[in-house]
Amino acid sequence: MTRDFASTGASSASFSHEELFRRINALKKEMNALVLAHYYTVPEIQQVADIVGDSLALARAAEKTNADVIVFAGVYFMAETAKILNPGKLVLMPDARAGCPLADSCPAEEFRIFKQKHPGALVITYINSTAEIKALSDITCTSSNAEEIIRQIPENRQIIFGPDRNLGAYLAKKLGRKMILWQGYCYVHDDFSESNMLKARQEHPGAELIAHPECREEVLRHAAFIGSTKALLDYTVASAAETFIVATEPGILYEMQKRSPLKTFIPAPKDFSNSRSVCTQMKQNTLEKLYHCMLNRKPEILVDETLRLASLGSIKRMLEMSPL
């Protein structure tokens, strides 16, 4: 069946979205494949995915699936985490070059030295990190469950948190915990400025500003609600407000509009030359690449077994400590 698709002689670039949807769905059945997509991917990827979610939901889905093949439309650390949880499954990614600058901002050797300066500290690392960093960590977390996990740690226990300094600072302030922070950041969220948020609020009086905790503190102080990607989505459904300025990657606006078609969602401005703060790596996932990765069974995500076992513990502890 796969060979039949290849033998048509047509380039996928000439296929309509509808034809690509049909072919991808056929390959899903043939391969017993599960397609996972993050909320920040383009709408057509979200439309064809079996599960669309944030990092925690997708990690849970990867852990529990009975599929033989996991196709992960996201950034590299997400597919890598799926492989760590599923060593016997084929894990594919539409574009293996879709990395995460936040994860890249925390080199393993430098983090190892950083950790050695604070012996005895518990290491909690954001899931936006490499397998090498997860292997150096006690617990992995996401923005959805970080607060719940930290609340379970005795207050007298010192915590190293990385790699996102803004999320760490937000959690430290909210929970009244002193934490040792690695100074990494997500460029999408860190580039939102207080002046642009104030300008957006002036231009849209009555709109609620909602923000992801990866934003800087001076942005967060103006937000009516702060939360993870899923929490922001749930808030827009439950809120009586009709208009929202959304300070996170604008890919989530597709699902927000889908769930609340009568409400208005405005992407928070980044600067005057670029009105949206977009994760270009997430946008590297396209329908054409998704189709070809399934058709050709590559790029395949592989993780060295020693590294996989070393990093598995921190991910498992996250899942065990997180509320369902």
Protein backbone atom coordinates (compact mmCIF):
# COMPACT_ATOMS: atom_id res chain seq x y z
CA MET A 1 0.00 0.00 0.00
CA THR A 2 2.85 2.36 0.84
CA ARG A 3 4.48 1.47 -2.47
CA ASP A 4 1.22 2.18 -4.28
CA PHE A 5 1.28 5.75 -2.96
CA ALA A 6 4.88 6.16 -4.05
CA SER A 7 4.22 4.76 -7.50
CA THR A 8 1.68 7.40 -8.53
CA GLY A 9 4.52 9.62 -9.69
CA ALA A 10 2.83 12.71 -8.29
CA SER A 11 4.71 15.06 -6.04
CA SER A 12 3.12 15.65 -2.63
CA ALA A 13 3.56 19.36 -3.29
CA SER A 14 0.80 19.02 -5.87
CA PHE A 15 -1.61 17.35 -3.46
CA SER A 16 -4.41 19.33 -1.85
CA HIS A 17 -4.78 19.31 1.91
CA GLU A 18 -7.75 17.00 1.51
CA GLU A 19 -5.70 14.50 -0.49
CA LEU A 20 -2.88 14.62 2.04
CA PHE A 21 -5.40 14.08 4.85
CA ARG A 22 -6.70 11.02 3.00
CA ARG A 23 -3.24 9.58 2.41
CA ILE A 24 -2.07 10.24 5.97
CA ASN A 25 -5.19 8.63 7.40
CA ALA A 26 -4.67 5.60 5.17
CA LEU A 27 -1.07 5.30 6.37
CA LYS A 28 -2.21 5.57 9.97
CA LYS A 29 -4.39 2.49 9.51
CA GLU A 30 -1.75 0.59 7.56
CA MET A 31 1.00 1.29 10.10
CA ASN A 32 -1.14 1.23 13.26
CA ALA A 33 0.26 4.70 13.87
CA LEU A 34 -0.68 7.39 16.36
CA VAL A 35 -0.11 11.00 15.26
CA LEU A 36 0.56 13.39 18.12
CA ALA A 37 0.67 17.15 17.61
CA HIS A 38 1.37 20.10 19.86
CA TYR A 39 -1.02 23.04 20.02
CA TYR A 40 1.70 25.25 18.49
CA THR A 41 1.78 23.40 15.16
CA VAL A 42 -0.05 24.73 12.10
CA PRO A 43 -3.85 24.16 11.95
CA GLU A 44 -3.74 21.49 9.22
CA ILE A 45 -1.37 19.37 11.34
CA GLN A 46 -3.74 19.70 14.29
CA GLN A 47 -6.65 18.70 12.03
CA VAL A 48 -5.08 15.40 10.99
CA ALA A 49 -3.58 14.47 14.38
CA ASP A 50 -5.14 11.82 16.59
CA ILE A 51 -4.27 13.74 19.73
CA VAL A 52 -3.49 17.45 20.04
CA GLY A 53 -2.23 18.66 23.39
CA ASP A 54 0.42 20.25 25.54
CA SER A 55 3.65 18.53 26.58
CA LEU A 56 2.12 16.70 29.56
CA ALA A 57 -0.91 15.39 27.64
CA LEU A 58 1.30 14.24 24.78
CA ALA A 59 3.77 12.52 27.13
CA ARG A 60 0.87 10.67 28.75
CA ALA A 61 -0.51 9.69 25.36
CA ALA A 62 2.91 8.41 24.28
CA GLU A 63 3.23 6.37 27.47
CA LYS A 64 -0.19 4.71 27.16
CA THR A 65 -0.58 4.11 23.43
CA ASN A 66 -0.96 0.64 21.94
CA ALA A 67 0.07 1.90 18.51
CA ASP A 68 3.08 0.34 16.81
CA VAL A 69 4.25 3.70 15.45
CA ILE A 70 4.25 7.15 17.07
CA VAL A 71 4.49 10.11 14.72
CA PHE A 72 5.29 13.24 16.70
CA ALA A 73 4.57 16.63 15.16
CA GLY A 74 6.33 18.94 17.55
CA VAL A 75 9.93 19.72 18.40
CA TYR A 76 12.75 17.27 18.94
CA PHE A 77 12.66 16.86 22.72
CA MET A 78 9.00 15.79 22.48
CA ALA A 79 9.68 12.97 20.03
CA GLU A 80 12.77 12.04 22.02
CA THR A 81 10.65 11.76 25.19
CA ALA A 82 8.20 9.52 23.33
CA LYS A 83 11.07 7.23 22.33
CA ILE A 84 12.41 7.14 25.89
CA LEU A 85 9.00 5.95 27.04
CA ASN A 86 8.59 3.52 24.10
CA PRO A 87 11.90 1.88 23.22
CA GLY A 88 10.21 -0.88 21.23
CA LYS A 89 8.11 1.40 19.03
CA LEU A 90 9.00 3.19 15.83
CA VAL A 91 9.01 6.92 16.61
CA LEU A 92 8.95 9.27 13.63
CA MET A 93 9.10 13.04 13.30
CA PRO A 94 8.16 15.11 10.24
CA ASP A 95 11.32 17.24 10.55
CA ALA A 96 14.03 16.06 12.94
CA ARG A 97 15.73 19.46 12.56
CA ALA A 98 12.85 21.10 14.45
CA GLY A 99 14.72 21.66 17.67
CA CYS A 100 14.00 23.76 20.74
CA PRO A 101 16.26 26.74 21.44
CA LEU A 102 15.25 26.59 25.12
CA ALA A 103 16.50 23.00 25.34
CA ASP A 104 19.64 23.96 23.42
CA SER A 105 20.34 26.76 25.93
CA CYS A 106 21.23 24.13 28.54
CA PRO A 107 24.28 22.10 27.43
CA ALA A 108 24.67 18.90 29.44
CA GLU A 109 28.31 19.43 30.47
CA GLU A 110 27.64 22.97 31.66
CA PHE A 111 24.56 21.83 33.55
CA ARG A 112 26.54 19.01 35.15
CA ILE A 113 29.04 21.53 36.52
CA PHE A 114 26.17 23.79 37.65
CA LYS A 115 24.61 20.86 39.50
CA GLN A 116 27.92 19.93 41.18
CA LYS A 117 28.10 23.43 42.71
CA HIS A 118 24.95 22.64 44.69
CA PRO A 119 25.43 19.15 46.11
CA GLY A 120 22.32 17.72 47.70
CA ALA A 121 19.93 19.91 45.74
CA LEU A 122 16.97 18.21 44.06
CA VAL A 123 17.00 18.79 40.33
CA ILE A 124 13.64 19.52 38.68
CA THR A 125 13.90 20.22 34.98
CA TYR A 126 11.37 21.42 32.49
CA ILE A 127 10.45 18.86 29.85
CA ASN A 128 11.80 21.35 27.27
CA SER A 129 15.23 19.80 27.69
CA THR A 130 17.42 17.13 26.12
CA ALA A 131 17.61 13.51 27.21
CA GLU A 132 21.07 14.26 28.62
CA ILE A 133 19.59 16.92 30.92
CA LYS A 134 16.73 14.62 31.95
CA ALA A 135 19.37 12.01 32.85
CA LEU A 136 20.97 14.55 35.22
CA SER A 137 17.62 15.35 36.80
CA ASP A 138 15.57 13.89 39.63
CA ILE A 139 12.18 14.94 38.25
CA THR A 140 11.00 16.27 34.92
CA CYS A 141 8.04 18.68 34.83
CA THR A 142 5.87 20.63 32.42
CA SER A 143 4.26 24.02 32.86
CA SER A 144 1.02 22.11 33.57
CA ASN A 145 2.33 20.15 36.54
CA ALA A 146 5.40 22.02 37.83
CA GLU A 147 3.50 23.73 40.64
CA GLU A 148 1.92 20.47 41.79
CA ILE A 149 5.29 18.69 41.76
CA ILE A 150 7.13 21.42 43.66
CA ARG A 151 4.39 21.47 46.32
CA GLN A 152 5.23 17.82 47.01
CA ILE A 153 8.87 18.62 47.79
CA PRO A 154 9.67 19.38 51.48
CA GLU A 155 10.18 23.10 51.99
CA ASN A 156 13.61 22.57 53.51
CA ARG A 157 14.85 20.77 50.39
CA GLN A 158 16.92 22.91 48.05
CA ILE A 159 15.75 22.84 44.43
CA ILE A 160 17.63 23.44 41.19
CA PHE A 161 15.18 24.40 38.44
CA GLY A 162 15.97 24.72 34.77
CA PRO A 163 16.29 25.46 32.01
CA ASP A 164 13.60 28.20 31.82
CA ARG A 165 14.42 31.10 34.15
CA ASN A 166 11.06 32.83 33.68
CA LEU A 167 8.98 29.77 34.56
CA GLY A 168 11.29 29.10 37.50
CA ALA A 169 11.01 32.68 38.78
CA TYR A 170 7.22 32.59 38.44
CA LEU A 171 6.99 29.35 40.42
CA ALA A 172 9.43 30.55 43.08
CA LYS A 173 7.41 33.72 43.63
CA LYS A 174 4.03 32.00 43.60
CA LEU A 175 5.06 29.21 45.95
CA GLY A 176 7.37 31.26 48.16
CA ARG A 177 10.25 28.87 47.44
CA LYS A 178 13.85 29.82 46.90
CA MET A 179 15.13 27.95 43.87
CA ILE A 180 18.44 27.92 42.06
CA LEU A 181 17.62 28.84 38.47
CA TRP A 182 19.41 27.96 35.25
CA GLN A 183 19.31 31.06 33.05
CA GLY A 184 17.73 29.67 29.89
CA TYR A 185 14.60 31.03 28.23
CA CYS A 186 12.13 30.49 25.39
CA TYR A 187 12.61 33.22 22.79
CA VAL A 188 8.91 33.12 21.87
CA HIS A 189 7.81 34.12 25.37
CA ASP A 190 10.82 36.10 26.52
CA ASP A 191 10.41 38.55 23.63
CA PHE A 192 7.02 39.76 24.82
CA SER A 193 7.54 43.21 26.37
CA GLU A 194 5.61 45.10 29.00
CA SER A 195 5.29 48.16 26.76
CA ASN A 196 3.73 46.14 23.94
CA MET A 197 1.33 44.44 26.35
CA LEU A 198 0.19 47.81 27.66
CA LYS A 199 -0.23 49.09 24.12
CA ALA A 200 -2.27 46.01 23.17
CA ARG A 201 -4.54 46.52 26.16
CA GLN A 202 -5.08 50.16 25.20
CA GLU A 203 -5.97 49.13 21.65
CA HIS A 204 -8.39 46.46 22.88
CA PRO A 205 -10.16 47.88 25.94
CA GLY A 206 -12.08 45.23 27.82
CA ALA A 207 -9.92 42.38 26.50
CA GLU A 208 -8.35 40.07 29.05
CA LEU A 209 -4.61 39.55 28.83
CA ILE A 210 -3.70 35.91 29.50
CA ALA A 211 -0.10 34.73 29.55
CA HIS A 212 2.12 31.68 29.71
CA PRO A 213 4.50 31.61 32.72
CA GLU A 214 7.49 31.45 30.36
CA CYS A 215 6.89 35.19 29.86
CA ARG A 216 8.89 37.72 31.84
CA GLU A 217 7.60 38.90 35.22
CA GLU A 218 6.88 42.43 33.97
CA VAL A 219 4.49 40.93 31.41
CA LEU A 220 2.91 38.50 33.87
CA ARG A 221 2.03 41.24 36.33
CA HIS A 222 -0.52 42.62 33.86
CA ALA A 223 -2.17 39.29 33.09
CA ALA A 224 -5.68 38.46 34.24
CA PHE A 225 -4.70 34.80 34.13
CA ILE A 226 -1.37 32.95 33.99
CA GLY A 227 -1.18 29.31 33.02
CA SER A 228 0.19 26.53 30.88
CA THR A 229 -0.95 26.10 27.29
CA LYS A 230 -3.80 23.82 28.35
CA ALA A 231 -4.70 26.03 31.31
CA LEU A 232 -4.92 29.07 29.03
CA LEU A 233 -7.15 27.13 26.66
CA ASP A 234 -9.44 25.93 29.45
CA TYR A 235 -9.62 29.44 30.90
CA THR A 236 -10.83 30.95 27.63
CA VAL A 237 -13.63 28.40 27.49
CA ALA A 238 -14.75 29.03 31.07
CA SER A 239 -14.26 32.81 31.22
CA ALA A 240 -17.17 35.19 30.69
CA ALA A 241 -14.83 37.51 28.78
CA GLU A 242 -15.43 37.81 25.05
CA THR A 243 -12.00 39.03 23.92
CA PHE A 244 -8.53 37.80 24.90
CA ILE A 245 -5.00 39.00 24.23
CA VAL A 246 -3.01 35.77 24.28
CA ALA A 247 0.66 35.98 25.29
CA THR A 248 1.95 32.64 24.09
CA GLU A 249 2.74 31.00 20.76
CA PRO A 250 -0.20 31.85 18.45
CA GLY A 251 -0.68 28.27 17.27
CA ILE A 252 -2.97 27.78 20.28
CA LEU A 253 -5.41 30.34 18.86
CA TYR A 254 -6.67 27.74 16.39
CA GLU A 255 -7.94 25.49 19.19
CA MET A 256 -9.18 28.44 21.23
CA GLN A 257 -11.27 29.69 18.31
CA LYS A 258 -12.48 26.17 17.61
CA ARG A 259 -13.75 25.74 21.16
CA SER A 260 -15.13 29.27 21.51
CA PRO A 261 -16.21 30.37 18.02
CA LEU A 262 -18.06 33.46 19.27
CA LYS A 263 -15.07 34.85 21.17
CA THR A 264 -12.20 36.95 19.82
CA PHE A 265 -8.55 35.96 20.25
CA ILE A 266 -5.74 38.42 19.61
CA PRO A 267 -2.11 37.25 19.47
CA ALA A 268 -0.04 39.35 21.84
CA PRO A 269 2.34 41.60 19.87
CA LYS A 270 6.05 40.89 19.92
CA ASP A 271 7.36 44.08 18.36
CA PHE A 272 6.46 46.48 15.59
CA SER A 273 8.38 44.59 12.92
CA ASN A 274 6.98 41.18 13.87
CA SER A 275 3.43 41.32 15.20
CA ARG A 276 3.44 37.71 16.39
CA SER A 277 5.94 35.81 18.49
CA VAL A 278 6.06 32.56 16.52
CA CYS A 279 7.96 29.34 17.20
CA THR A 280 9.53 28.78 13.80
CA GLN A 281 10.64 25.29 14.85
CA MET A 282 7.05 24.16 15.50
CA LYS A 283 6.07 25.55 12.10
CA GLN A 284 8.64 23.29 10.43
CA ASN A 285 6.01 20.55 10.77
CA THR A 286 3.98 20.56 7.56
CA LEU A 287 1.43 18.19 6.05
CA GLU A 288 3.85 17.29 3.27
CA LYS A 289 6.62 16.42 5.73
CA LEU A 290 4.18 14.45 7.89
CA TYR A 291 3.06 12.45 4.87
CA HIS A 292 6.60 11.73 3.70
CA CYS A 293 7.88 10.73 7.13
CA MET A 294 5.08 8.17 7.39
CA LEU A 295 5.49 7.02 3.79
CA ASN A 296 9.25 6.57 4.12
CA ARG A 297 9.38 5.62 7.84
CA LYS A 298 11.88 8.39 8.53
CA PRO A 299 13.25 10.52 10.11
CA GLU A 300 13.29 7.95 12.89
CA ILE A 301 14.07 9.11 16.43
CA LEU A 302 16.66 6.94 18.19
CA VAL A 303 17.99 7.18 21.74
CA ASP A 304 21.03 5.30 23.02
CA GLU A 305 19.82 2.66 25.48
CA THR A 306 22.15 3.73 28.30
CA LEU A 307 20.97 7.33 27.94
CA ARG A 308 17.34 6.22 27.63
CA LEU A 309 17.46 4.33 30.92
CA ALA A 310 19.27 7.19 32.65
CA SER A 311 16.65 9.72 31.53
CA LEU A 312 13.59 7.50 32.00
CA GLY A 313 13.51 7.83 35.78
CA SER A 314 12.93 11.58 35.89
CA ILE A 315 10.12 11.30 33.33
CA LYS A 316 8.46 8.42 35.18
CA ARG A 317 8.61 10.35 38.45
CA MET A 318 6.90 13.29 36.75
CA LEU A 319 4.06 11.08 35.53
CA GLU A 320 3.69 9.44 38.95
CA MET A 321 3.59 12.80 40.77
CA SER A 322 1.20 14.50 38.36
CA PRO A 323 -2.57 14.57 38.88
CA LEU A 324 -4.57 12.94 36.11
